[in-house]
Protein backbone atom coordinates (compact mmCIF):
# COMPACT_ATOMS: atom_id res chain seq x y z
CA MET A 1 131.15 64.21 -34.90
CA ASN A 2 129.36 60.96 -35.74
CA SER A 3 128.48 62.26 -39.21
CA ASN A 4 132.17 63.07 -39.82
CA ILE A 5 133.16 59.55 -38.80
CA GLU A 6 130.53 58.14 -41.15
CA LEU A 7 131.90 60.27 -43.99
CA LEU A 8 135.47 59.10 -43.35
CA MET A 9 134.69 55.45 -42.66
CA PRO A 10 134.58 54.39 -46.35
CA PHE A 11 137.98 56.01 -46.89
CA ILE A 12 139.44 54.33 -43.78
CA VAL A 13 138.09 50.88 -44.69
CA VAL A 14 139.19 51.07 -48.33
CA ALA A 15 142.60 52.60 -47.52
CA TYR A 16 143.35 49.89 -44.97
CA SER A 17 142.16 47.20 -47.37
CA MET A 18 144.32 48.59 -50.18
CA TRP A 19 147.46 49.12 -48.12
CA ALA A 20 147.26 45.96 -45.98
CA THR A 21 146.68 43.49 -48.82
CA PRO A 22 149.34 41.88 -51.04
CA GLY A 23 151.14 44.11 -53.46
CA PRO A 24 154.68 45.19 -54.33
CA ASN A 25 155.21 47.10 -51.08
CA ASN A 26 153.99 44.35 -48.79
CA MET A 27 155.72 41.56 -50.67
CA MET A 28 159.00 43.52 -50.52
CA LEU A 29 158.50 44.21 -46.79
CA THR A 30 157.81 40.53 -46.17
CA TYR A 31 160.98 39.57 -47.98
CA SER A 32 163.02 42.27 -46.26
CA GLY A 33 161.69 41.32 -42.83
CA ALA A 34 162.59 37.69 -43.41
CA ARG A 35 165.96 38.35 -45.02
CA PHE A 36 167.30 41.37 -43.10
CA GLY A 37 165.19 41.57 -39.91
CA LEU A 38 162.79 44.25 -38.70
CA ARG A 39 165.40 46.83 -37.64
CA ALA A 40 167.03 46.92 -41.07
CA THR A 41 163.59 47.09 -42.74
CA VAL A 42 162.40 50.18 -40.79
CA PRO A 43 163.81 52.77 -43.29
CA HIS A 44 162.02 50.93 -46.10
CA LEU A 45 158.78 50.88 -44.12
CA ILE A 46 158.93 54.59 -43.18
CA GLY A 47 159.77 55.45 -46.79
CA ILE A 48 156.58 53.74 -47.94
CA VAL A 49 154.53 55.72 -45.41
CA VAL A 50 156.08 59.06 -46.42
CA GLY A 51 155.76 58.28 -50.13
CA THR A 52 152.10 57.31 -49.64
CA CYS A 53 151.41 60.60 -47.85
CA ILE A 54 153.05 62.68 -50.59
CA LEU A 55 151.30 60.76 -53.37
CA ASN A 56 147.86 61.16 -51.75
CA LEU A 57 148.39 64.83 -50.88
CA LEU A 58 149.39 65.71 -54.43
CA ALA A 59 146.39 63.83 -55.83
CA ILE A 60 143.91 65.40 -53.39
CA LEU A 61 145.16 68.98 -53.77
CA GLY A 62 145.51 68.66 -57.52
CA LEU A 63 142.02 67.31 -58.09
CA LYS A 64 140.08 69.40 -55.57
CA PRO A 65 140.24 72.70 -57.54
CA LEU A 66 139.26 70.87 -60.72
CA ILE A 67 136.20 69.36 -59.02
CA ALA A 68 135.17 72.81 -57.76
CA GLN A 69 135.27 74.15 -61.31
CA TRP A 70 133.78 71.07 -63.00
CA PRO A 71 131.53 69.14 -60.53
CA GLN A 72 130.79 66.47 -63.15
CA LEU A 73 134.37 65.27 -62.69
CA LEU A 74 133.31 63.77 -59.35
CA LEU A 75 131.09 61.27 -61.17
CA LEU A 76 133.99 60.45 -63.49
CA LEU A 77 136.24 59.90 -60.47
CA LYS A 78 133.69 57.52 -58.95
CA VAL A 79 133.56 55.51 -62.17
CA VAL A 80 137.35 55.44 -62.58
CA GLY A 81 137.85 54.62 -58.90
CA SER A 82 135.38 51.74 -59.14
CA ILE A 83 137.06 50.34 -62.24
CA TRP A 84 140.51 50.60 -60.64
CA LEU A 85 139.35 48.79 -57.49
CA VAL A 86 137.85 45.96 -59.52
CA ILE A 87 140.99 45.69 -61.68
CA ILE A 88 143.25 45.67 -58.63
CA GLY A 89 141.06 43.07 -56.93
CA TRP A 90 141.15 40.90 -60.05
CA LYS A 91 144.94 41.14 -60.33
CA MET A 92 145.36 40.36 -56.64
CA ALA A 93 143.06 37.34 -56.89
CA HIS A 94 145.15 35.99 -59.78
CA ALA A 95 148.58 36.88 -58.36
CA SER A 96 151.28 34.28 -58.56
CA GLY A 97 153.00 33.03 -55.43
CA VAL A 98 155.46 35.07 -53.43
CA GLY A 99 158.67 35.14 -55.39
CA SER A 100 162.15 35.53 -53.98
CA ALA A 101 163.84 38.88 -54.55
CA SER A 102 167.47 39.37 -55.46
CA GLU A 103 168.24 42.41 -53.29
CA GLU A 104 171.44 42.16 -51.33
CA LYS A 105 170.64 45.14 -49.09
CA PRO A 106 167.32 46.41 -47.68
CA MET A 107 165.66 49.22 -49.61
CA THR A 108 166.61 52.69 -48.38
CA PHE A 109 164.18 55.35 -47.14
CA PHE A 110 164.53 57.55 -50.25
CA ALA A 111 164.27 54.61 -52.64
CA ALA A 112 161.04 53.52 -50.91
CA VAL A 113 159.60 57.06 -51.18
CA LEU A 114 160.41 57.24 -54.89
CA PHE A 115 159.15 53.71 -55.49
CA GLN A 116 155.60 54.83 -54.61
CA PHE A 117 155.55 56.94 -57.78
CA ALA A 118 156.45 53.90 -59.88
CA ASN A 119 154.35 51.37 -57.95
CA PRO A 120 151.24 50.54 -60.03
CA LYS A 121 149.24 49.43 -56.98
CA ALA A 122 150.10 52.60 -55.03
CA ILE A 123 149.08 54.81 -57.96
CA SER A 124 145.89 52.82 -58.56
CA ALA A 125 145.03 52.92 -54.86
CA THR A 126 145.57 56.68 -54.78
CA LEU A 127 143.16 57.21 -57.70
CA ALA A 128 140.49 55.17 -55.94
CA LEU A 129 141.08 56.76 -52.52
CA VAL A 130 141.00 60.32 -53.85
CA SER A 131 137.48 59.65 -55.08
CA LEU A 132 136.43 58.73 -51.54
CA VAL A 133 138.22 61.71 -50.00
CA LEU A 134 136.65 64.17 -52.41
CA VAL A 135 133.19 62.75 -51.74
CA ALA A 136 133.75 63.28 -47.99
CA ILE A 137 135.26 66.79 -48.19
CA GLU A 138 132.57 67.90 -50.59
CA LYS A 139 130.16 67.49 -47.65
CA ASN A 140 132.62 68.83 -45.04
CA PRO A 141 135.78 70.61 -46.32
CA ASP A 142 137.38 70.48 -42.86
CA LEU A 143 137.72 66.70 -43.18
CA LEU A 144 140.70 67.23 -45.50
CA TRP A 145 142.91 67.87 -42.46
CA ALA A 146 141.57 64.78 -40.71
CA VAL A 147 142.36 62.68 -43.78
CA MET A 148 145.93 64.01 -43.94
CA LEU A 149 146.42 63.10 -40.26
CA ILE A 150 144.88 59.64 -40.72
CA ILE A 151 146.94 58.62 -43.78
CA PRO A 152 150.38 58.24 -42.09
CA PHE A 153 148.99 56.30 -39.14
CA LEU A 154 146.74 54.09 -41.27
CA SER A 155 149.51 53.42 -43.78
CA PHE A 156 151.93 52.49 -41.00
CA ILE A 157 149.64 50.06 -39.17
CA SER A 158 148.53 48.42 -42.41
CA ILE A 159 152.03 47.57 -43.67
CA LEU A 160 153.88 46.97 -40.38
CA PRO A 161 152.54 43.40 -39.90
CA TRP A 162 154.09 42.35 -43.22
CA ALA A 163 157.54 43.42 -42.07
CA ILE A 164 157.08 41.88 -38.61
CA ALA A 165 155.66 38.57 -39.82
CA GLY A 166 158.29 38.19 -42.55
CA ARG A 167 159.38 34.60 -42.76
CA SER A 168 156.32 33.14 -41.00
CA ILE A 169 153.90 34.67 -43.53
CA ARG A 170 156.02 33.47 -46.44
CA ARG A 171 156.14 29.98 -44.94
CA PHE A 172 152.39 29.86 -44.36
CA LEU A 173 151.62 31.00 -47.93
CA SER A 174 154.14 28.62 -49.48
CA THR A 175 151.58 26.04 -50.61
CA PRO A 176 149.67 26.84 -53.82
CA MET A 177 146.27 26.21 -52.19
CA ARG A 178 146.86 28.58 -49.26
CA TRP A 179 148.20 31.28 -51.56
CA LYS A 180 145.23 30.91 -53.91
CA LEU A 181 142.69 31.14 -51.06
CA PHE A 182 144.50 34.15 -49.60
CA THR A 183 144.68 36.05 -52.90
CA TRP A 184 141.05 35.32 -53.82
CA LEU A 185 139.88 36.53 -50.40
CA THR A 186 141.88 39.75 -50.37
CA GLY A 187 141.29 40.41 -54.07
CA GLY A 188 137.55 39.90 -53.68
CA LEU A 189 137.38 42.21 -50.68
CA THR A 190 139.33 44.90 -52.51
CA ALA A 191 137.07 44.72 -55.57
CA ALA A 192 133.98 44.83 -53.34
CA CYS A 193 135.23 48.11 -51.83
CA ALA A 194 134.13 49.82 -55.07
CA LEU A 195 130.63 49.78 -53.58
CA PHE A 196 131.74 52.40 -51.02
CA LEU A 197 132.12 54.97 -53.81
CA TRP A 198 128.37 54.83 -54.49
CA ILE A 199 126.98 54.82 -50.93
């Protein structure tokens, strides 16, 4: 049991870091929470969770058979995952301040699901996370089911605070200095998560 937790811990830490840090989804949830309230933002939030689950499932199932046939692809995934994490961290660290959106209505459930397939951060995060999942299930194939159960819960708890905090987070990050410190911290932590691929 402990060994399984150790195998999944890198995935859990990186997934939470990726999903809980600033990006299109969280910025849109922050705006929606402030503009429309939490109740009206719930379909948007649930759509992100469902879209994240579908995106990760497709990536895991699609890559697993390829890794079984060509084991050297796992090394390639580690390299690509590391590069993506560093790139994402760099972009987050240099992100501009929270901008105002022009939406008149909150995003719908289906729009939020589909948005995950056009969201660069979600796609990049999936590529990095699949590397971690495949490393874990290579050692214990049964962990695939645990991962699929963890993803919805982890996704939900990582993005919910952005919708709840809404206006207060936007107000706190309104000064250039606070925003810069926040983005450098979260961007640096995300880039550092590349180390988990090699442990």
